[in-house]
Amino acid sequence: MVKVVCPSCGGAKTGYRIACGDRGCRTGEITCDFCKGEGQVSSEASERWQRGDALRKARVERGLTLSEQAAILGVAPKALNDVEFGRRRLEELVDVGALRCKGIVPVAGEK
């Protein structure tokens, strides 16, 4: 299996967050959710993440919320979120070819 740099964290393995609560705000370091702190993923996982990222950018560009896009695609918002963050492939949920025929463009750049 070919390993590539994690597209989510750029190989850094971690990221930073800001958590705010009753005691104010503080920063913290978190392990990358996508590569689980390894800094590398399979080339297939990287492609899945990049396609999901393109889908998310296209949705935002069209001014749609996650729930609105999920309704258009006929999937649950959680499932679409999994696709957008590379945890699932869109093809697992819907017939992408049929969506293209209906004029629904699920991936940025495909018109």
PDB file of N, CA and C in Angstrom:
ATOM      1  N   MET A   1       0.843  -1.180   0.000  1.00  0.00           N
ATOM      2  CA  MET A   1       0.000   0.000   0.000  1.00  0.00           C
ATOM      3  C   MET A   1       0.889   1.244   0.000  1.00  0.00           C
ATOM      4  N   VAL A   2       0.578   2.162  -0.881  1.00  0.00           N
ATOM      5  CA  VAL A   2       1.327   3.406  -0.988  1.00  0.00           C
ATOM      6  C   VAL A   2       0.815   4.378   0.071  1.00  0.00           C
ATOM      7  N   LYS A   3       1.730   4.951   0.836  1.00  0.00           N
ATOM      8  CA  LYS A   3       1.376   5.943   1.852  1.00  0.00           C
ATOM      9  C   LYS A   3       1.744   7.333   1.344  1.00  0.00           C
ATOM     10  N   VAL A   4       0.876   8.286   1.617  1.00  0.00           N
ATOM     11  CA  VAL A   4       1.117   9.678   1.235  1.00  0.00           C
ATOM     12  C   VAL A   4       0.884  10.560   2.461  1.00  0.00           C
ATOM     13  N   VAL A   5       1.366  11.783   2.393  1.00  0.00           N
ATOM     14  CA  VAL A   5       1.186  12.731   3.491  1.00  0.00           C
ATOM     15  C   VAL A   5      -0.307  12.980   3.695  1.00  0.00           C
ATOM     16  N   CYS A   6      -0.713  12.988   4.936  1.00  0.00           N
ATOM     17  CA  CYS A   6      -2.123  13.219   5.263  1.00  0.00           C
ATOM     18  C   CYS A   6      -2.562  14.578   4.719  1.00  0.00           C
ATOM     19  N   PRO A   7      -3.627  14.626   3.904  1.00  0.00           N
ATOM     20  CA  PRO A   7      -4.074  15.904   3.341  1.00  0.00           C
ATOM     21  C   PRO A   7      -4.747  16.807   4.369  1.00  0.00           C
ATOM     22  N   SER A   8      -5.194  16.229   5.470  1.00  0.00           N
ATOM     23  CA  SER A   8      -5.877  17.017   6.478  1.00  0.00           C
ATOM     24  C   SER A   8      -4.904  17.805   7.356  1.00  0.00           C
ATOM     25  N   CYS A   9      -3.860  17.129   7.858  1.00  0.00           N
ATOM     26  CA  CYS A   9      -2.915  17.800   8.761  1.00  0.00           C
ATOM     27  C   CYS A   9      -1.596  18.155   8.085  1.00  0.00           C
ATOM     28  N   GLY A  10      -1.435  17.753   6.815  1.00  0.00           N
ATOM     29  CA  GLY A  10      -0.195  18.044   6.105  1.00  0.00           C
ATOM     30  C   GLY A  10       1.001  17.302   6.666  1.00  0.00           C
ATOM     31  N   GLY A  11       0.748  16.192   7.353  1.00  0.00           N
ATOM     32  CA  GLY A  11       1.828  15.397   7.927  1.00  0.00           C
ATOM     33  C   GLY A  11       2.235  15.825   9.323  1.00  0.00           C
ATOM     34  N   ALA A  12       1.614  16.860   9.857  1.00  0.00           N
ATOM     35  CA  ALA A  12       1.978  17.369  11.179  1.00  0.00           C
ATOM     36  C   ALA A  12       1.534  16.444  12.313  1.00  0.00           C
ATOM     37  N   LYS A  13       0.595  15.560  12.037  1.00  0.00           N
ATOM     38  CA  LYS A  13       0.061  14.574  12.983  1.00  0.00           C
ATOM     39  C   LYS A  13      -0.869  15.166  14.038  1.00  0.00           C
ATOM     40  N   THR A  14      -0.776  16.456  14.269  1.00  0.00           N
ATOM     41  CA  THR A  14      -1.612  17.104  15.275  1.00  0.00           C
ATOM     42  C   THR A  14      -2.125  18.434  14.741  1.00  0.00           C
ATOM     43  N   GLY A  15      -3.023  18.999  15.476  1.00  0.00           N
ATOM     44  CA  GLY A  15      -3.552  20.321  15.169  1.00  0.00           C
ATOM     45  C   GLY A  15      -3.839  21.042  16.468  1.00  0.00           C
ATOM     46  N   TYR A  16      -4.299  22.245  16.375  1.00  0.00           N
ATOM     47  CA  TYR A  16      -4.585  23.037  17.568  1.00  0.00           C
ATOM     48  C   TYR A  16      -6.050  23.396  17.595  1.00  0.00           C
ATOM     49  N   ARG A  17      -6.545  23.570  18.791  1.00  0.00           N
ATOM     50  CA  ARG A  17      -7.942  23.950  18.956  1.00  0.00           C
ATOM     51  C   ARG A  17      -8.056  24.977  20.056  1.00  0.00           C
ATOM     52  N   ILE A  18      -9.168  25.651  20.070  1.00  0.00           N
ATOM     53  CA  ILE A  18      -9.491  26.583  21.137  1.00  0.00           C
ATOM     54  C   ILE A  18     -10.779  26.088  21.763  1.00  0.00           C
ATOM     55  N   ALA A  19     -10.749  25.865  23.064  1.00  0.00           N
ATOM     56  CA  ALA A  19     -11.923  25.403  23.799  1.00  0.00           C
ATOM     57  C   ALA A  19     -12.336  26.491  24.777  1.00  0.00           C
ATOM     58  N   CYS A  20     -13.591  26.873  24.706  1.00  0.00           N
ATOM     59  CA  CYS A  20     -14.097  27.910  25.601  1.00  0.00           C
ATOM     60  C   CYS A  20     -15.169  27.323  26.500  1.00  0.00           C
ATOM     61  N   GLY A  21     -15.131  27.711  27.742  1.00  0.00           N
ATOM     62  CA  GLY A  21     -16.109  27.221  28.712  1.00  0.00           C
ATOM     63  C   GLY A  21     -16.306  28.223  29.823  1.00  0.00           C
ATOM     64  N   ASP A  22     -16.813  27.735  30.957  1.00  0.00           N
ATOM     65  CA  ASP A  22     -17.089  28.594  32.109  1.00  0.00           C
ATOM     66  C   ASP A  22     -15.832  29.283  32.625  1.00  0.00           C
ATOM     67  N   ARG A  23     -14.689  28.639  32.475  1.00  0.00           N
ATOM     68  CA  ARG A  23     -13.431  29.178  32.997  1.00  0.00           C
ATOM     69  C   ARG A  23     -12.652  29.983  31.963  1.00  0.00           C
ATOM     70  N   GLY A  24     -13.287  30.325  30.867  1.00  0.00           N
ATOM     71  CA  GLY A  24     -12.622  31.086  29.823  1.00  0.00           C
ATOM     72  C   GLY A  24     -12.177  30.191  28.675  1.00  0.00           C
ATOM     73  N   CYS A  25     -11.312  30.704  27.840  1.00  0.00           N
ATOM     74  CA  CYS A  25     -10.841  29.965  26.674  1.00  0.00           C
ATOM     75  C   CYS A  25      -9.405  29.518  26.867  1.00  0.00           C
ATOM     76  N   ARG A  26      -9.080  28.365  26.301  1.00  0.00           N
ATOM     77  CA  ARG A  26      -7.707  27.880  26.343  1.00  0.00           C
ATOM     78  C   ARG A  26      -7.412  27.116  25.063  1.00  0.00           C
ATOM     79  N   THR A  27      -6.148  27.049  24.740  1.00  0.00           N
ATOM     80  CA  THR A  27      -5.742  26.325  23.541  1.00  0.00           C
ATOM     81  C   THR A  27      -5.280  24.928  23.928  1.00  0.00           C
ATOM     82  N   GLY A  28      -5.299  24.057  22.956  1.00  0.00           N
ATOM     83  CA  GLY A  28      -4.842  22.696  23.194  1.00  0.00           C
ATOM     84  C   GLY A  28      -4.439  22.044  21.885  1.00  0.00           C
ATOM     85  N   GLU A  29      -3.672  21.001  22.002  1.00  0.00           N
ATOM     86  CA  GLU A  29      -3.225  20.263  20.826  1.00  0.00           C
ATOM     87  C   GLU A  29      -4.061  18.993  20.717  1.00  0.00           C
ATOM     88  N   ILE A  30      -4.496  18.676  19.499  1.00  0.00           N
ATOM     89  CA  ILE A  30      -5.291  17.472  19.271  1.00  0.00           C
ATOM     90  C   ILE A  30      -4.652  16.629  18.172  1.00  0.00           C
ATOM     91  N   THR A  31      -4.868  15.344  18.247  1.00  0.00           N
ATOM     92  CA  THR A  31      -4.383  14.425  17.222  1.00  0.00           C
ATOM     93  C   THR A  31      -5.246  14.564  15.979  1.00  0.00           C
ATOM     94  N   CYS A  32      -4.615  14.513  14.809  1.00  0.00           N
ATOM     95  CA  CYS A  32      -5.363  14.602  13.550  1.00  0.00           C
ATOM     96  C   CYS A  32      -6.419  13.505  13.504  1.00  0.00           C
ATOM     97  N   ASP A  33      -7.628  13.911  13.222  1.00  0.00           N
ATOM     98  CA  ASP A  33      -8.766  12.994  13.154  1.00  0.00           C
ATOM     99  C   ASP A  33      -8.663  12.037  11.964  1.00  0.00           C
ATOM    100  N   PHE A  34      -8.082  12.522  10.870  1.00  0.00           N
ATOM    101  CA  PHE A  34      -8.101  11.727   9.639  1.00  0.00           C
ATOM    102  C   PHE A  34      -7.014  10.651   9.626  1.00  0.00           C
ATOM    103  N   CYS A  35      -5.777  11.007  10.009  1.00  0.00           N
ATOM    104  CA  CYS A  35      -4.680  10.023   9.965  1.00  0.00           C
ATOM    105  C   CYS A  35      -4.440   9.371  11.323  1.00  0.00           C
ATOM    106  N   LYS A  36      -5.204   9.771  12.321  1.00  0.00           N
ATOM    107  CA  LYS A  36      -5.064   9.239  13.682  1.00  0.00           C
ATOM    108  C   LYS A  36      -3.666   9.448  14.235  1.00  0.00           C
ATOM    109  N   GLY A  37      -3.038  10.565  13.868  1.00  0.00           N
ATOM    110  CA  GLY A  37      -1.739  10.921  14.406  1.00  0.00           C
ATOM    111  C   GLY A  37      -0.558  10.259  13.734  1.00  0.00           C
ATOM    112  N   GLU A  38      -0.770   9.579  12.611  1.00  0.00           N
ATOM    113  CA  GLU A  38       0.339   8.937  11.909  1.00  0.00           C
ATOM    114  C   GLU A  38       1.034   9.868  10.926  1.00  0.00           C
ATOM    115  N   GLY A  39       0.343  10.889  10.449  1.00  0.00           N
ATOM    116  CA  GLY A  39       0.926  11.821   9.494  1.00  0.00           C
ATOM    117  C   GLY A  39       0.877  11.341   8.055  1.00  0.00           C
ATOM    118  N   GLN A  40       0.490  10.078   7.876  1.00  0.00           N
ATOM    119  CA  GLN A  40       0.380   9.504   6.536  1.00  0.00           C
ATOM    120  C   GLN A  40      -0.910   8.704   6.432  1.00  0.00           C
ATOM    121  N   VAL A  41      -1.413   8.619   5.209  1.00  0.00           N
ATOM    122  CA  VAL A  41      -2.596   7.804   4.920  1.00  0.00           C
ATOM    123  C   VAL A  41      -2.367   7.089   3.602  1.00  0.00           C
ATOM    124  N   SER A  42      -3.211   6.137   3.293  1.00  0.00           N
ATOM    125  CA  SER A  42      -3.112   5.454   1.998  1.00  0.00           C
ATOM    126  C   SER A  42      -3.467   6.436   0.890  1.00  0.00           C
ATOM    127  N   SER A  43      -2.992   6.154  -0.306  1.00  0.00           N
ATOM    128  CA  SER A  43      -3.313   7.040  -1.432  1.00  0.00           C
ATOM    129  C   SER A  43      -4.822   7.047  -1.686  1.00  0.00           C
ATOM    130  N   GLU A  44      -5.501   5.923  -1.432  1.00  0.00           N
ATOM    131  CA  GLU A  44      -6.955   5.855  -1.606  1.00  0.00           C
ATOM    132  C   GLU A  44      -7.655   6.770  -0.603  1.00  0.00           C
ATOM    133  N   ALA A  45      -7.194   6.768   0.642  1.00  0.00           N
ATOM    134  CA  ALA A  45      -7.791   7.635   1.660  1.00  0.00           C
ATOM    135  C   ALA A  45      -7.550   9.103   1.322  1.00  0.00           C
ATOM    136  N   SER A  46      -6.366   9.412   0.814  1.00  0.00           N
ATOM    137  CA  SER A  46      -6.054  10.784   0.419  1.00  0.00           C
ATOM    138  C   SER A  46      -6.978  11.246  -0.706  1.00  0.00           C
ATOM    139  N   GLU A  47      -7.194  10.387  -1.679  1.00  0.00           N
ATOM    140  CA  GLU A  47      -8.097  10.725  -2.790  1.00  0.00           C
ATOM    141  C   GLU A  47      -9.516  10.934  -2.281  1.00  0.00           C
ATOM    142  N   ARG A  48      -9.965  10.072  -1.358  1.00  0.00           N
ATOM    143  CA  ARG A  48     -11.301  10.188  -0.775  1.00  0.00           C
ATOM    144  C   ARG A  48     -11.435  11.532  -0.050  1.00  0.00           C
ATOM    145  N   TRP A  49     -10.401  11.945   0.692  1.00  0.00           N
ATOM    146  CA  TRP A  49     -10.428  13.213   1.412  1.00  0.00           C
ATOM    147  C   TRP A  49     -10.485  14.378   0.428  1.00  0.00           C
ATOM    148  N   GLN A  50      -9.681  14.315  -0.624  1.00  0.00           N
ATOM    149  CA  GLN A  50      -9.643  15.405  -1.609  1.00  0.00           C
ATOM    150  C   GLN A  50     -10.971  15.541  -2.341  1.00  0.00           C
ATOM    151  N   ARG A  51     -11.600  14.418  -2.674  1.00  0.00           N
ATOM    152  CA  ARG A  51     -12.912  14.479  -3.343  1.00  0.00           C
ATOM    153  C   ARG A  51     -13.967  15.043  -2.405  1.00  0.00           C
ATOM    154  N   GLY A  52     -13.919  14.649  -1.127  1.00  0.00           N
ATOM    155  CA  GLY A  52     -14.860  15.186  -0.147  1.00  0.00           C
ATOM    156  C   GLY A  52     -14.660  16.675   0.065  1.00  0.00           C
ATOM    157  N   ASP A  53     -13.392  17.104   0.093  1.00  0.00           N
ATOM    158  CA  ASP A  53     -13.081  18.519   0.244  1.00  0.00           C
ATOM    159  C   ASP A  53     -13.620  19.316  -0.947  1.00  0.00           C
ATOM    160  N   ALA A  54     -13.478  18.772  -2.143  1.00  0.00           N
ATOM    161  CA  ALA A  54     -14.007  19.436  -3.342  1.00  0.00           C
ATOM    162  C   ALA A  54     -15.532  19.520  -3.279  1.00  0.00           C
ATOM    163  N   LEU A  55     -16.162  18.461  -2.800  1.00  0.00           N
ATOM    164  CA  LEU A  55     -17.620  18.454  -2.658  1.00  0.00           C
ATOM    165  C   LEU A  55     -18.063  19.538  -1.673  1.00  0.00           C
ATOM    166  N   ARG A  56     -17.369  19.628  -0.531  1.00  0.00           N
ATOM    167  CA  ARG A  56     -17.706  20.619   0.479  1.00  0.00           C
ATOM    168  C   ARG A  56     -17.522  22.042  -0.074  1.00  0.00           C
ATOM    169  N   LYS A  57     -16.420  22.292  -0.763  1.00  0.00           N
ATOM    170  CA  LYS A  57     -16.176  23.618  -1.333  1.00  0.00           C
ATOM    171  C   LYS A  57     -17.238  23.990  -2.362  1.00  0.00           C
ATOM    172  N   ALA A  58     -17.655  23.020  -3.179  1.00  0.00           N
ATOM    173  CA  ALA A  58     -18.699  23.277  -4.179  1.00  0.00           C
ATOM    174  C   ALA A  58     -20.025  23.597  -3.499  1.00  0.00           C
ATOM    175  N   ARG A  59     -20.327  22.884  -2.418  1.00  0.00           N
ATOM    176  CA  ARG A  59     -21.573  23.130  -1.685  1.00  0.00           C
ATOM    177  C   ARG A  59     -21.573  24.537  -1.087  1.00  0.00           C
ATOM    178  N   VAL A  60     -20.481  24.905  -0.464  1.00  0.00           N
ATOM    179  CA  VAL A  60     -20.369  26.228   0.155  1.00  0.00           C
ATOM    180  C   VAL A  60     -20.438  27.321  -0.912  1.00  0.00           C
ATOM    181  N   GLU A  61     -19.781  27.089  -2.026  1.00  0.00           N
ATOM    182  CA  GLU A  61     -19.808  28.060  -3.125  1.00  0.00           C
ATOM    183  C   GLU A  61     -21.224  28.284  -3.637  1.00  0.00           C
ATOM    184  N   ARG A  62     -22.043  27.230  -3.632  1.00  0.00           N
ATOM    185  CA  ARG A  62     -23.444  27.351  -4.075  1.00  0.00           C
ATOM    186  C   ARG A  62     -24.345  27.931  -2.984  1.00  0.00           C
ATOM    187  N   GLY A  63     -23.789  28.130  -1.781  1.00  0.00           N
ATOM    188  CA  GLY A  63     -24.562  28.714  -0.696  1.00  0.00           C
ATOM    189  C   GLY A  63     -25.503  27.741  -0.017  1.00  0.00           C
ATOM    190  N   LEU A  64     -25.204  26.448  -0.091  1.00  0.00           N
ATOM    191  CA  LEU A  64     -26.072  25.438   0.515  1.00  0.00           C
ATOM    192  C   LEU A  64     -25.525  24.994   1.863  1.00  0.00           C
ATOM    193  N   THR A  65     -26.431  24.726   2.791  1.00  0.00           N
ATOM    194  CA  THR A  65     -26.019  24.144   4.064  1.00  0.00           C
ATOM    195  C   THR A  65     -25.820  22.639   3.860  1.00  0.00           C
ATOM    196  N   LEU A  66     -25.194  22.012   4.830  1.00  0.00           N
ATOM    197  CA  LEU A  66     -25.003  20.565   4.773  1.00  0.00           C
ATOM    198  C   LEU A  66     -26.354  19.854   4.671  1.00  0.00           C
ATOM    199  N   SER A  67     -27.318  20.297   5.454  1.00  0.00           N
ATOM    200  CA  SER A  67     -28.652  19.674   5.445  1.00  0.00           C
ATOM    201  C   SER A  67     -29.353  19.847   4.103  1.00  0.00           C
ATOM    202  N   GLU A  68     -29.224  21.024   3.495  1.00  0.00           N
ATOM    203  CA  GLU A  68     -29.843  21.262   2.191  1.00  0.00           C
ATOM    204  C   GLU A  68     -29.226  20.370   1.116  1.00  0.00           C
ATOM    205  N   GLN A  69     -27.883  20.280   1.106  1.00  0.00           N
ATOM    206  CA  GLN A  69     -27.214  19.428   0.114  1.00  0.00           C
ATOM    207  C   GLN A  69     -27.570  17.962   0.336  1.00  0.00           C
ATOM    208  N   ALA A  70     -27.646  17.550   1.595  1.00  0.00           N
ATOM    209  CA  ALA A  70     -28.009  16.166   1.895  1.00  0.00           C
ATOM    210  C   ALA A  70     -29.408  15.845   1.376  1.00  0.00           C
ATOM    211  N   ALA A  71     -30.342  16.776   1.545  1.00  0.00           N
ATOM    212  CA  ALA A  71     -31.705  16.570   1.052  1.00  0.00           C
ATOM    213  C   ALA A  71     -31.722  16.450  -0.465  1.00  0.00           C
ATOM    214  N   ILE A  72     -30.943  17.287  -1.154  1.00  0.00           N
ATOM    215  CA  ILE A  72     -30.865  17.225  -2.615  1.00  0.00           C
ATOM    216  C   ILE A  72     -30.331  15.868  -3.066  1.00  0.00           C
ATOM    217  N   LEU A  73     -29.305  15.377  -2.355  1.00  0.00           N
ATOM    218  CA  LEU A  73     -28.691  14.102  -2.716  1.00  0.00           C
ATOM    219  C   LEU A  73     -29.497  12.899  -2.220  1.00  0.00           C
ATOM    220  N   GLY A  74     -30.413  13.145  -1.283  1.00  0.00           N
ATOM    221  CA  GLY A  74     -31.223  12.058  -0.744  1.00  0.00           C
ATOM    222  C   GLY A  74     -30.474  11.201   0.262  1.00  0.00           C
ATOM    223  N   VAL A  75     -29.583  11.835   1.037  1.00  0.00           N
ATOM    224  CA  VAL A  75     -28.827  11.117   2.068  1.00  0.00           C
ATOM    225  C   VAL A  75     -28.964  11.851   3.394  1.00  0.00           C
ATOM    226  N   ALA A  76     -28.585  11.189   4.472  1.00  0.00           N
ATOM    227  CA  ALA A  76     -28.610  11.813   5.788  1.00  0.00           C
ATOM    228  C   ALA A  76     -27.471  12.830   5.896  1.00  0.00           C
ATOM    229  N   PRO A  77     -27.696  13.935   6.612  1.00  0.00           N
ATOM    230  CA  PRO A  77     -26.626  14.922   6.786  1.00  0.00           C
ATOM    231  C   PRO A  77     -25.348  14.319   7.380  1.00  0.00           C
ATOM    232  N   LYS A  78     -25.467  13.404   8.324  1.00  0.00           N
ATOM    233  CA  LYS A  78     -24.287  12.764   8.919  1.00  0.00           C
ATOM    234  C   LYS A  78     -23.506  11.997   7.859  1.00  0.00           C
ATOM    235  N   ALA A  79     -24.207  11.306   6.971  1.00  0.00           N
ATOM    236  CA  ALA A  79     -23.537  10.555   5.909  1.00  0.00           C
ATOM    237  C   ALA A  79     -22.810  11.499   4.962  1.00  0.00           C
ATOM    238  N   LEU A  80     -23.424  12.633   4.632  1.00  0.00           N
ATOM    239  CA  LEU A  80     -22.774  13.608   3.763  1.00  0.00           C
ATOM    240  C   LEU A  80     -21.549  14.203   4.458  1.00  0.00           C
ATOM    241  N   ASN A  81     -21.656  14.453   5.759  1.00  0.00           N
ATOM    242  CA  ASN A  81     -20.515  14.952   6.517  1.00  0.00           C
ATOM    243  C   ASN A  81     -19.356  13.954   6.454  1.00  0.00           C
ATOM    244  N   ASP A  82     -19.660  12.671   6.568  1.00  0.00           N
ATOM    245  CA  ASP A  82     -18.632  11.633   6.460  1.00  0.00           C
ATOM    246  C   ASP A  82     -17.962  11.667   5.085  1.00  0.00           C
ATOM    247  N   VAL A  83     -18.736  11.921   4.053  1.00  0.00           N
ATOM    248  CA  VAL A  83     -18.177  12.017   2.696  1.00  0.00           C
ATOM    249  C   VAL A  83     -17.277  13.246   2.596  1.00  0.00           C
ATOM    250  N   GLU A  84     -17.760  14.381   3.081  1.00  0.00           N
ATOM    251  CA  GLU A  84     -17.006  15.627   2.970  1.00  0.00           C
ATOM    252  C   GLU A  84     -15.686  15.583   3.731  1.00  0.00           C
ATOM    253  N   PHE A  85     -15.607  14.775   4.773  1.00  0.00           N
ATOM    254  CA  PHE A  85     -14.372  14.671   5.554  1.00  0.00           C
ATOM    255  C   PHE A  85     -13.598  13.396   5.252  1.00  0.00           C
ATOM    256  N   GLY A  86     -13.933  12.748   4.130  1.00  0.00           N
ATOM    257  CA  GLY A  86     -13.142  11.623   3.647  1.00  0.00           C
ATOM    258  C   GLY A  86     -13.320  10.307   4.372  1.00  0.00           C
ATOM    259  N   ARG A  87     -14.312  10.219   5.245  1.00  0.00           N
ATOM    260  CA  ARG A  87     -14.524   8.963   5.965  1.00  0.00           C
ATOM    261  C   ARG A  87     -15.319   7.946   5.140  1.00  0.00           C
ATOM    262  N   ARG A  88     -16.055   8.434   4.131  1.00  0.00           N
ATOM    263  CA  ARG A  88     -16.833   7.573   3.234  1.00  0.00           C
ATOM    264  C   ARG A  88     -16.724   8.118   1.819  1.00  0.00           C
ATOM    265  N   ARG A  89     -17.098   7.282   0.854  1.00  0.00           N
ATOM    266  CA  ARG A  89     -17.139   7.708  -0.542  1.00  0.00           C
ATOM    267  C   ARG A  89     -18.591   7.986  -0.914  1.00  0.00           C
ATOM    268  N   LEU A  90     -18.822   9.012  -1.723  1.00  0.00           N
ATOM    269  CA  LEU A  90     -20.174   9.364  -2.152  1.00  0.00           C
ATOM    270  C   LEU A  90     -20.823   8.198  -2.888  1.00  0.00           C
ATOM    271  N   GLU A  91     -20.017   7.458  -3.647  1.00  0.00           N
ATOM    272  CA  GLU A  91     -20.537   6.329  -4.425  1.00  0.00           C
ATOM    273  C   GLU A  91     -21.125   5.229  -3.539  1.00  0.00           C
ATOM    274  N   GLU A  92     -20.751   5.190  -2.259  1.00  0.00           N
ATOM    275  CA  GLU A  92     -21.325   4.217  -1.326  1.00  0.00           C
ATOM    276  C   GLU A  92     -22.772   4.553  -0.992  1.00  0.00           C
ATOM    277  N   LEU A  93     -23.143   5.811  -1.177  1.00  0.00           N
ATOM    278  CA  LEU A  93     -24.453   6.284  -0.742  1.00  0.00           C
ATOM    279  C   LEU A  93     -25.453   6.495  -1.863  1.00  0.00           C
ATOM    280  N   VAL A  94     -24.962   6.958  -3.010  1.00  0.00           N
ATOM    281  CA  VAL A  94     -25.867   7.319  -4.101  1.00  0.00           C
ATOM    282  C   VAL A  94     -25.293   6.874  -5.443  1.00  0.00           C
ATOM    283  N   ASP A  95     -26.152   6.837  -6.434  1.00  0.00           N
ATOM    284  CA  ASP A  95     -25.733   6.554  -7.810  1.00  0.00           C
ATOM    285  C   ASP A  95     -25.301   7.888  -8.420  1.00  0.00           C
ATOM    286  N   VAL A  96     -23.996   8.137  -8.403  1.00  0.00           N
ATOM    287  CA  VAL A  96     -23.460   9.415  -8.854  1.00  0.00           C
ATOM    288  C   VAL A  96     -23.805   9.664 -10.327  1.00  0.00           C
ATOM    289  N   GLY A  97     -23.778   8.627 -11.149  1.00  0.00           N
ATOM    290  CA  GLY A  97     -24.115   8.771 -12.562  1.00  0.00           C
ATOM    291  C   GLY A  97     -25.539   9.269 -12.753  1.00  0.00           C
ATOM    292  N   ALA A  98     -26.473   8.754 -11.955  1.00  0.00           N
ATOM    293  CA  ALA A  98     -27.864   9.194 -12.044  1.00  0.00           C
ATOM    294  C   ALA A  98     -28.000  10.653 -11.621  1.00  0.00           C
ATOM    295  N   LEU A  99     -27.229  11.058 -10.613  1.00  0.00           N
ATOM    296  CA  LEU A  99     -27.282  12.454 -10.168  1.00  0.00           C
ATOM    297  C   LEU A  99     -26.776  13.395 -11.255  1.00  0.00           C
ATOM    298  N   ARG A 100     -25.738  12.961 -11.972  1.00  0.00           N
ATOM    299  CA  ARG A 100     -25.220  13.780 -13.074  1.00  0.00           C
ATOM    300  C   ARG A 100     -26.276  13.923 -14.167  1.00  0.00           C
ATOM    301  N   CYS A 101     -26.995  12.830 -14.452  1.00  0.00           N
ATOM    302  CA  CYS A 101     -28.039  12.874 -15.485  1.00  0.00           C
ATOM    303  C   CYS A 101     -29.168  13.828 -15.099  1.00  0.00           C
ATOM    304  N   LYS A 102     -29.433  13.955 -13.792  1.00  0.00           N
ATOM    305  CA  LYS A 102     -30.491  14.853 -13.316  1.00  0.00           C
ATOM    306  C   LYS A 102     -30.021  16.292 -13.218  1.00  0.00           C
ATOM    307  N   GLY A 103     -28.731  16.527 -13.510  1.00  0.00           N
ATOM    308  CA  GLY A 103     -28.204  17.887 -13.429  1.00  0.00           C
ATOM    309  C   GLY A 103     -27.652  18.254 -12.072  1.00  0.00           C
ATOM    310  N   ILE A 104     -27.607  17.282 -11.157  1.00  0.00           N
ATOM    311  CA  ILE A 104     -27.026  17.532  -9.836  1.00  0.00           C
ATOM    312  C   ILE A 104     -25.535  17.218  -9.958  1.00  0.00           C
ATOM    313  N   VAL A 105     -24.703  18.203  -9.678  1.00  0.00           N
ATOM    314  CA  VAL A 105     -23.256  18.027  -9.829  1.00  0.00           C
ATOM    315  C   VAL A 105     -22.645  17.807  -8.453  1.00  0.00           C
ATOM    316  N   PRO A 106     -22.282  16.560  -8.093  1.00  0.00           N
ATOM    317  CA  PRO A 106     -21.828  16.299  -6.738  1.00  0.00           C
ATOM    318  C   PRO A 106     -20.379  16.654  -6.444  1.00  0.00           C
ATOM    319  N   VAL A 107     -19.556  16.901  -7.477  1.00  0.00           N
ATOM    320  CA  VAL A 107     -18.147  17.181  -7.238  1.00  0.00           C
ATOM    321  C   VAL A 107     -17.758  18.448  -7.985  1.00  0.00           C
ATOM    322  N   ALA A 108     -17.017  19.330  -7.327  1.00  0.00           N
ATOM    323  CA  ALA A 108     -16.587  20.594  -7.944  1.00  0.00           C
ATOM    324  C   ALA A 108     -15.833  20.325  -9.225  1.00  0.00           C
ATOM    325  N   GLY A 109     -16.063  21.158 -10.199  1.00  0.00           N
ATOM    326  CA  GLY A 109     -15.337  21.037 -11.464  1.00  0.00           C
ATOM    327  C   GLY A 109     -16.021  20.165 -12.489  1.00  0.00           C
ATOM    328  N   GLU A 110     -16.995  19.379 -12.072  1.00  0.00           N
ATOM    329  CA  GLU A 110     -17.717  18.544 -13.032  1.00  0.00           C
ATOM    330  C   GLU A 110     -19.008  19.263 -13.397  1.00  0.00           C
ATOM    331  N   LYS A 111     -19.104  19.649 -14.635  1.00  0.00           N
ATOM    332  CA  LYS A 111     -20.290  20.384 -15.090  1.00  0.00           C
ATOM    333  C   LYS A 111     -20.891  19.729 -16.294  1.00  0.00           C
TER     334      LYS A 111
END
